[in-house]
């Protein structure tokens, strides 16, 4: 039988067969030794082939094949650098929810997410959530960020999952597609899904006022069928986004504004660091490129963890 994985817990997989029947499935151990190095060889969104086995009055599916993925979003654990985790597979649009201060989303995190989406040919959209909660200064900061990423070519939408602002815009982008919501815990992913499809009634919790961090409400990535002809993969909140499977020489290709200029670098293999006559460094000096983006590029290039700092918008010192 064929089906799509709707939920992966690491040991059990909820699979929806082509006839609409839901099966709880296990996986054959051989998947763990076939060169799949992620902590979860099967992810939400995977297309699989499985067999149904009956043991007494219990029916269990056994997954024996994973179809070739069109794409996937993968991240490296910040604390366990040798481990990787596939967040979702076969995604048409990856939405990243961004909040300014409750909790804060810094540009290194945004940039790492965008690099991964670029590397796997997934359209990425930035949703600036909770815009109804910001004062005038904070609103200007959000507008600055949105302008920065729009200038690179990314679609940015200011939304409020609680008031419903621009929710219809998001719906229109999702119709007929498999979408993924991602972001830190507390940015409002589950609240947004509930605004899009109130009947789902996903669990939500309040932000921790002490640390301005969200509490985990989504434990495992899970796909939902929505009434307006869309599918959504809701993912657990993540603290850090480690980029994997990107070669140093290729990294600049996944920063679209760098890729446009690299042909003007003196050296074809320019890493945009110390090389002479580098078009990217020249773009930084004449302020046609963003220093925050360049800092993110260097962090990834040098294998550093994300720097959660308040000076991320400032020019390099």
Protein backbone atom coordinates (compact mmCIF):
# COMPACT_ATOMS: atom_id res chain seq x y z
CA UNK A 1 0.00 0.00 0.00
CA UNK A 2 1.04 3.59 -0.54
CA UNK A 3 0.53 6.52 1.77
CA UNK A 4 1.84 9.78 3.21
CA UNK A 5 3.37 10.12 6.67
CA UNK A 6 1.26 12.55 8.68
CA UNK A 7 3.14 12.21 11.97
CA UNK A 8 6.53 10.87 13.00
CA UNK A 9 7.33 10.26 16.66
CA UNK A 10 10.58 8.43 16.02
CA UNK A 11 9.16 5.01 16.80
CA UNK A 12 5.61 5.15 15.41
CA UNK A 13 4.44 6.77 12.20
CA UNK A 14 0.88 7.84 11.38
CA UNK A 15 0.32 7.13 7.69
CA UNK A 16 -2.68 8.11 5.58
CA UNK A 17 -3.20 5.60 2.78
CA UNK A 18 -4.33 6.65 -0.68
CA UNK A 19 -7.88 5.52 0.17
CA UNK A 20 -7.92 7.84 3.21
CA UNK A 21 -7.51 5.12 5.85
CA UNK A 22 -5.19 5.98 8.74
CA UNK A 23 -2.63 3.40 9.89
CA UNK A 24 -0.18 3.40 12.76
CA UNK A 25 3.06 2.08 11.31
CA UNK A 26 6.49 0.94 12.39
CA UNK A 27 9.64 0.89 10.35
CA UNK A 28 11.97 -1.91 9.39
CA UNK A 29 15.34 -1.58 11.08
CA UNK A 30 17.26 -1.65 7.82
CA UNK A 31 16.37 2.01 7.17
CA UNK A 32 18.74 2.95 9.97
CA UNK A 33 21.76 1.42 8.20
CA UNK A 34 21.11 2.56 4.64
CA UNK A 35 23.18 5.71 4.92
CA UNK A 36 20.36 7.80 6.36
CA UNK A 37 22.23 9.61 9.11
CA UNK A 38 19.39 11.69 10.51
CA UNK A 39 17.80 10.96 13.87
CA UNK A 40 14.53 10.33 12.04
CA UNK A 41 14.82 8.33 8.80
CA UNK A 42 11.13 8.91 8.09
CA UNK A 43 9.63 12.39 8.37
CA UNK A 44 6.22 14.03 8.12
CA UNK A 45 5.42 14.53 4.44
CA UNK A 46 7.28 11.42 3.28
CA UNK A 47 5.59 9.23 0.66
CA UNK A 48 5.98 5.60 1.71
CA UNK A 49 5.10 2.03 0.77
CA UNK A 50 3.90 -0.14 3.64
CA UNK A 51 2.38 -3.52 4.39
CA UNK A 52 -0.45 -4.21 6.82
CA UNK A 53 0.03 -6.95 9.38
CA UNK A 54 -2.64 -8.29 11.71
CA UNK A 55 -1.69 -9.59 15.13
CA UNK A 56 -4.81 -10.79 16.90
CA UNK A 57 -7.19 -7.85 16.94
CA UNK A 58 -4.41 -5.34 16.28
CA UNK A 59 -3.58 -4.02 12.81
CA UNK A 60 -0.11 -2.56 12.30
CA UNK A 61 1.51 -1.12 9.23
CA UNK A 62 5.16 -1.82 8.43
CA UNK A 63 6.95 0.74 6.25
CA UNK A 64 9.34 -0.94 3.84
CA UNK A 65 10.12 1.81 1.33
CA UNK A 66 10.47 5.59 1.25
CA UNK A 67 9.82 7.26 -2.10
CA UNK A 68 12.47 9.65 -3.41
CA UNK A 69 11.92 13.04 -1.79
CA UNK A 70 11.34 16.12 -3.92
CA UNK A 71 12.99 18.08 -1.11
CA UNK A 72 13.24 18.29 2.65
CA UNK A 73 14.14 20.71 5.41
CA UNK A 74 16.96 19.43 7.59
CA UNK A 75 18.74 20.98 10.53
CA UNK A 76 21.70 20.19 12.74
CA UNK A 77 21.21 20.17 16.47
CA UNK A 78 23.08 23.07 18.04
CA UNK A 79 24.05 20.98 21.06
CA UNK A 80 24.59 17.67 19.27
CA UNK A 81 26.48 18.82 16.21
CA UNK A 82 26.89 15.32 14.77
CA UNK A 83 23.17 14.66 14.75
CA UNK A 84 20.78 15.91 12.12
CA UNK A 85 17.01 15.97 12.03
CA UNK A 86 14.71 16.09 9.01
CA UNK A 87 11.94 18.50 9.97
CA UNK A 88 9.63 17.82 7.02
CA UNK A 89 9.72 16.36 3.52
CA UNK A 90 8.10 17.18 0.16
CA UNK A 91 7.28 20.77 1.08
CA UNK A 92 5.99 23.35 -1.42
CA UNK A 93 6.28 26.43 0.83
CA UNK A 94 8.20 26.88 4.08
CA UNK A 95 6.78 29.67 6.24
CA UNK A 96 9.06 31.02 8.96
CA UNK A 97 7.23 32.86 11.74
CA UNK A 98 9.24 35.79 13.06
CA UNK A 99 8.55 37.77 16.23
CA UNK A 100 10.54 40.76 17.41
CA UNK A 101 10.61 40.32 21.17
CA UNK A 102 8.13 37.75 22.43
CA UNK A 103 10.19 35.66 21.84
CA UNK A 104 12.96 37.42 19.89
CA UNK A 105 13.89 36.05 16.46
CA UNK A 106 17.38 37.16 15.41
CA UNK A 107 18.66 37.44 11.86
CA UNK A 108 21.23 34.59 12.13
CA UNK A 109 18.35 32.19 12.75
CA UNK A 110 16.32 33.63 9.86
CA UNK A 111 19.29 33.45 7.51
CA UNK A 112 20.11 29.83 8.38
CA UNK A 113 16.52 28.84 7.70
CA UNK A 114 16.56 30.67 4.35
CA UNK A 115 19.87 29.07 3.34
CA UNK A 116 18.43 25.62 3.99
CA UNK A 117 15.30 26.43 1.99
CA UNK A 118 17.42 27.73 -0.89
CA UNK A 119 19.65 24.65 -0.82
CA UNK A 120 16.65 22.33 -1.18
CA UNK A 121 14.72 24.49 -3.65
CA UNK A 122 11.83 25.27 -1.32
CA UNK A 123 10.03 28.59 -1.54
CA UNK A 124 10.44 30.43 1.77
CA UNK A 125 8.09 33.11 3.09
CA UNK A 126 8.63 35.21 6.21
CA UNK A 127 5.56 35.84 8.37
CA UNK A 128 6.09 38.65 10.87
CA UNK A 129 3.60 37.65 13.54
CA UNK A 130 2.08 39.54 16.50
CA UNK A 131 2.23 42.89 14.69
CA UNK A 132 -0.75 44.02 16.75
CA UNK A 133 1.44 43.98 19.90
CA UNK A 134 4.26 46.30 18.79
CA UNK A 135 4.74 49.96 19.66
CA UNK A 136 5.80 52.55 17.08
CA UNK A 137 9.54 51.91 17.43
CA UNK A 138 9.11 48.14 17.26
CA UNK A 139 6.87 48.47 14.22
CA UNK A 140 9.59 50.46 12.45
CA UNK A 141 12.10 47.73 13.27
CA UNK A 142 9.79 45.09 11.78
CA UNK A 143 9.34 47.22 8.67
CA UNK A 144 13.13 47.53 8.38
CA UNK A 145 13.56 43.77 8.56
CA UNK A 146 10.78 43.14 6.05
CA UNK A 147 12.30 45.69 3.66
CA UNK A 148 15.71 44.01 4.00
CA UNK A 149 14.41 40.58 3.05
CA UNK A 150 12.05 41.89 0.36
CA UNK A 151 15.02 43.60 -1.29
CA UNK A 152 16.67 40.18 -1.56
CA UNK A 153 13.53 38.70 -3.13
CA UNK A 154 11.75 37.02 -0.22
CA UNK A 155 8.03 37.46 0.30
CA UNK A 156 7.26 39.02 3.69
CA UNK A 157 3.82 39.36 5.28
CA UNK A 158 2.90 41.09 8.53
CA UNK A 159 0.24 39.08 10.32
CA UNK A 160 -1.59 38.69 13.60
CA UNK A 161 -2.80 35.19 14.36
CA UNK A 162 -4.94 36.57 17.20
CA UNK A 163 -6.68 39.43 15.36
CA UNK A 164 -6.76 37.70 11.97
CA UNK A 165 -4.82 40.38 10.10
CA UNK A 166 -3.66 39.08 6.69
CA UNK A 167 -4.69 35.51 7.53
CA UNK A 168 -6.59 35.34 4.22
CA UNK A 169 -3.39 36.33 2.42
CA UNK A 170 -1.61 33.37 3.98
CA UNK A 171 -4.54 31.09 3.07
CA UNK A 172 -4.33 32.10 -0.58
CA UNK A 173 -0.63 31.27 -0.65
CA UNK A 174 -1.29 27.83 0.86
CA UNK A 175 -4.12 26.63 -1.38
CA UNK A 176 -3.26 23.48 -3.31
CA UNK A 177 0.14 23.17 -1.62
CA UNK A 178 1.92 21.41 1.24
CA UNK A 179 3.13 24.12 3.60
CA UNK A 180 5.33 24.01 6.67
CA UNK A 181 5.29 26.41 9.60
CA UNK A 182 8.51 26.80 11.55
CA UNK A 183 10.05 29.14 14.09
CA UNK A 184 11.00 29.41 17.74
CA UNK A 185 8.69 28.11 20.44
CA UNK A 186 6.13 30.79 21.25
CA UNK A 187 6.10 32.64 17.91
CA UNK A 188 2.50 31.57 17.38
CA UNK A 189 2.62 28.63 14.98
CA UNK A 190 -0.20 26.68 16.59
CA UNK A 191 -2.24 29.87 17.09
CA UNK A 192 -1.84 30.61 13.38
CA UNK A 193 -2.94 27.11 12.38
CA UNK A 194 -5.99 27.52 14.62
CA UNK A 195 -6.76 30.86 12.95
CA UNK A 196 -6.53 29.21 9.54
CA UNK A 197 -8.57 26.16 10.59
CA UNK A 198 -10.39 26.75 13.93
CA UNK A 199 -11.78 23.19 14.04
CA UNK A 200 -8.27 21.78 14.59
CA UNK A 201 -8.04 23.47 17.99
CA UNK A 202 -4.31 22.89 18.41
CA UNK A 203 -2.92 23.31 21.91
CA UNK A 204 -1.30 26.68 22.65
CA UNK A 205 0.46 28.13 25.70
CA UNK A 206 1.51 31.55 26.85
CA UNK A 207 4.99 33.01 26.64
CA UNK A 208 7.17 32.69 29.73
CA UNK A 209 7.28 36.24 31.10
CA UNK A 210 10.53 35.54 32.93
CA UNK A 211 12.57 34.53 29.89
CA UNK A 212 10.37 35.74 27.02
CA UNK A 213 10.52 32.26 25.54
CA UNK A 214 7.74 30.06 24.31
CA UNK A 215 6.76 26.75 25.80
CA UNK A 216 6.77 23.71 23.52
CA UNK A 217 3.18 22.99 22.48
CA UNK A 218 3.92 20.91 19.37
CA UNK A 219 5.97 17.85 20.31
CA UNK A 220 6.28 16.21 16.89
CA UNK A 221 5.91 17.47 13.34
CA UNK A 222 2.41 16.66 12.12
CA UNK A 223 0.55 17.16 8.85
CA UNK A 224 -3.06 18.33 8.72
CA UNK A 225 -5.57 18.46 5.87
CA UNK A 226 -7.23 21.87 5.77
CA UNK A 227 -10.74 22.63 4.57
CA UNK A 228 -9.64 25.19 1.97
CA UNK A 229 -7.66 22.71 -0.13
CA UNK A 230 -4.28 22.88 1.58
CA UNK A 231 -2.06 20.75 3.79
CA UNK A 232 0.08 22.05 6.62
CA UNK A 233 2.96 20.47 8.51
CA UNK A 234 3.09 22.00 11.98
CA UNK A 235 6.55 21.61 13.49
CA UNK A 236 7.95 21.81 17.04
CA UNK A 237 9.54 25.09 18.05
CA UNK A 238 13.31 25.07 17.59
CA UNK A 239 15.92 27.06 19.48
CA UNK A 240 18.70 26.89 16.91
CA UNK A 241 19.10 26.06 13.27
CA UNK A 242 22.38 24.39 12.33
CA UNK A 243 22.95 24.28 8.57
CA UNK A 244 24.06 20.91 7.20
CA UNK A 245 25.00 19.36 3.87
CA UNK A 246 26.21 22.66 2.38
CA UNK A 247 29.78 22.87 1.09
CA UNK A 248 31.75 26.03 1.86
CA UNK A 249 32.27 26.74 -1.83
CA UNK A 250 28.51 26.52 -2.44
CA UNK A 251 27.30 28.53 0.57
CA UNK A 252 27.36 31.89 -1.21
CA UNK A 253 25.02 30.47 -3.87
CA UNK A 254 22.29 30.20 -1.23
CA UNK A 255 22.48 33.90 -0.41
CA UNK A 256 20.68 35.18 -3.56
CA UNK A 257 22.16 38.67 -3.35
CA UNK A 258 25.69 37.21 -3.12
CA UNK A 259 25.02 34.82 -5.99
CA UNK A 260 24.06 37.73 -8.27
CA UNK A 261 27.41 39.44 -7.65
CA UNK A 262 29.85 36.52 -7.46
CA UNK A 263 30.53 36.64 -11.21
CA UNK A 264 32.26 39.98 -10.61
CA UNK A 265 34.69 38.55 -8.03
CA UNK A 266 38.28 38.26 -9.29
CA UNK A 267 38.47 34.58 -8.32
CA UNK A 268 35.90 31.97 -9.31
CA UNK A 269 36.33 30.18 -5.98
CA UNK A 270 36.12 33.35 -3.90
CA UNK A 271 34.83 32.74 -0.38
CA UNK A 272 34.27 36.48 0.14
CA UNK A 273 36.59 36.72 3.12
CA UNK A 274 40.14 37.95 2.54
CA UNK A 275 40.33 37.65 -1.26
CA UNK A 276 41.20 40.79 -3.26
CA UNK A 277 38.67 42.41 -5.59
CA UNK A 278 35.72 40.61 -4.04
CA UNK A 279 32.39 41.95 -5.33
CA UNK A 280 30.60 41.00 -2.12
CA UNK A 281 33.07 42.92 0.07
CA UNK A 282 32.74 45.89 -2.26
CA UNK A 283 28.94 45.66 -1.96
CA UNK A 284 29.26 45.79 1.81
CA UNK A 285 31.48 48.85 1.67
CA UNK A 286 29.07 50.78 -0.55
CA UNK A 287 26.07 49.64 1.57
CA UNK A 288 24.34 47.79 -1.26
CA UNK A 289 24.54 44.57 0.77
CA UNK A 290 23.45 43.87 4.34
CA UNK A 291 26.11 43.47 7.03
CA UNK A 292 23.79 41.29 9.12
CA UNK A 293 23.47 38.88 6.20
CA UNK A 294 27.24 38.86 5.73
CA UNK A 295 27.76 38.12 9.43
CA UNK A 296 25.38 35.18 9.10
CA UNK A 297 27.29 33.99 6.06
CA UNK A 298 30.61 34.07 7.94
CA UNK A 299 29.13 32.27 10.95
CA UNK A 300 27.87 29.43 8.77
CA UNK A 301 31.08 29.36 6.72
CA UNK A 302 33.21 29.05 9.82
CA UNK A 303 30.94 26.51 11.49
CA UNK A 304 29.94 28.79 14.36
CA UNK A 305 26.75 28.54 16.33
CA UNK A 306 24.17 31.27 16.09
CA UNK A 307 25.04 34.44 18.00
CA UNK A 308 21.93 35.69 19.75
CA UNK A 309 22.90 39.32 20.07
CA UNK A 310 21.12 42.65 19.96
CA UNK A 311 23.68 44.26 17.65
CA UNK A 312 22.78 42.14 14.65
CA UNK A 313 21.49 45.05 12.61
CA UNK A 314 24.64 47.12 13.02
CA UNK A 315 27.52 47.46 10.62
CA UNK A 316 30.59 45.32 11.25
CA UNK A 317 32.80 46.92 13.89
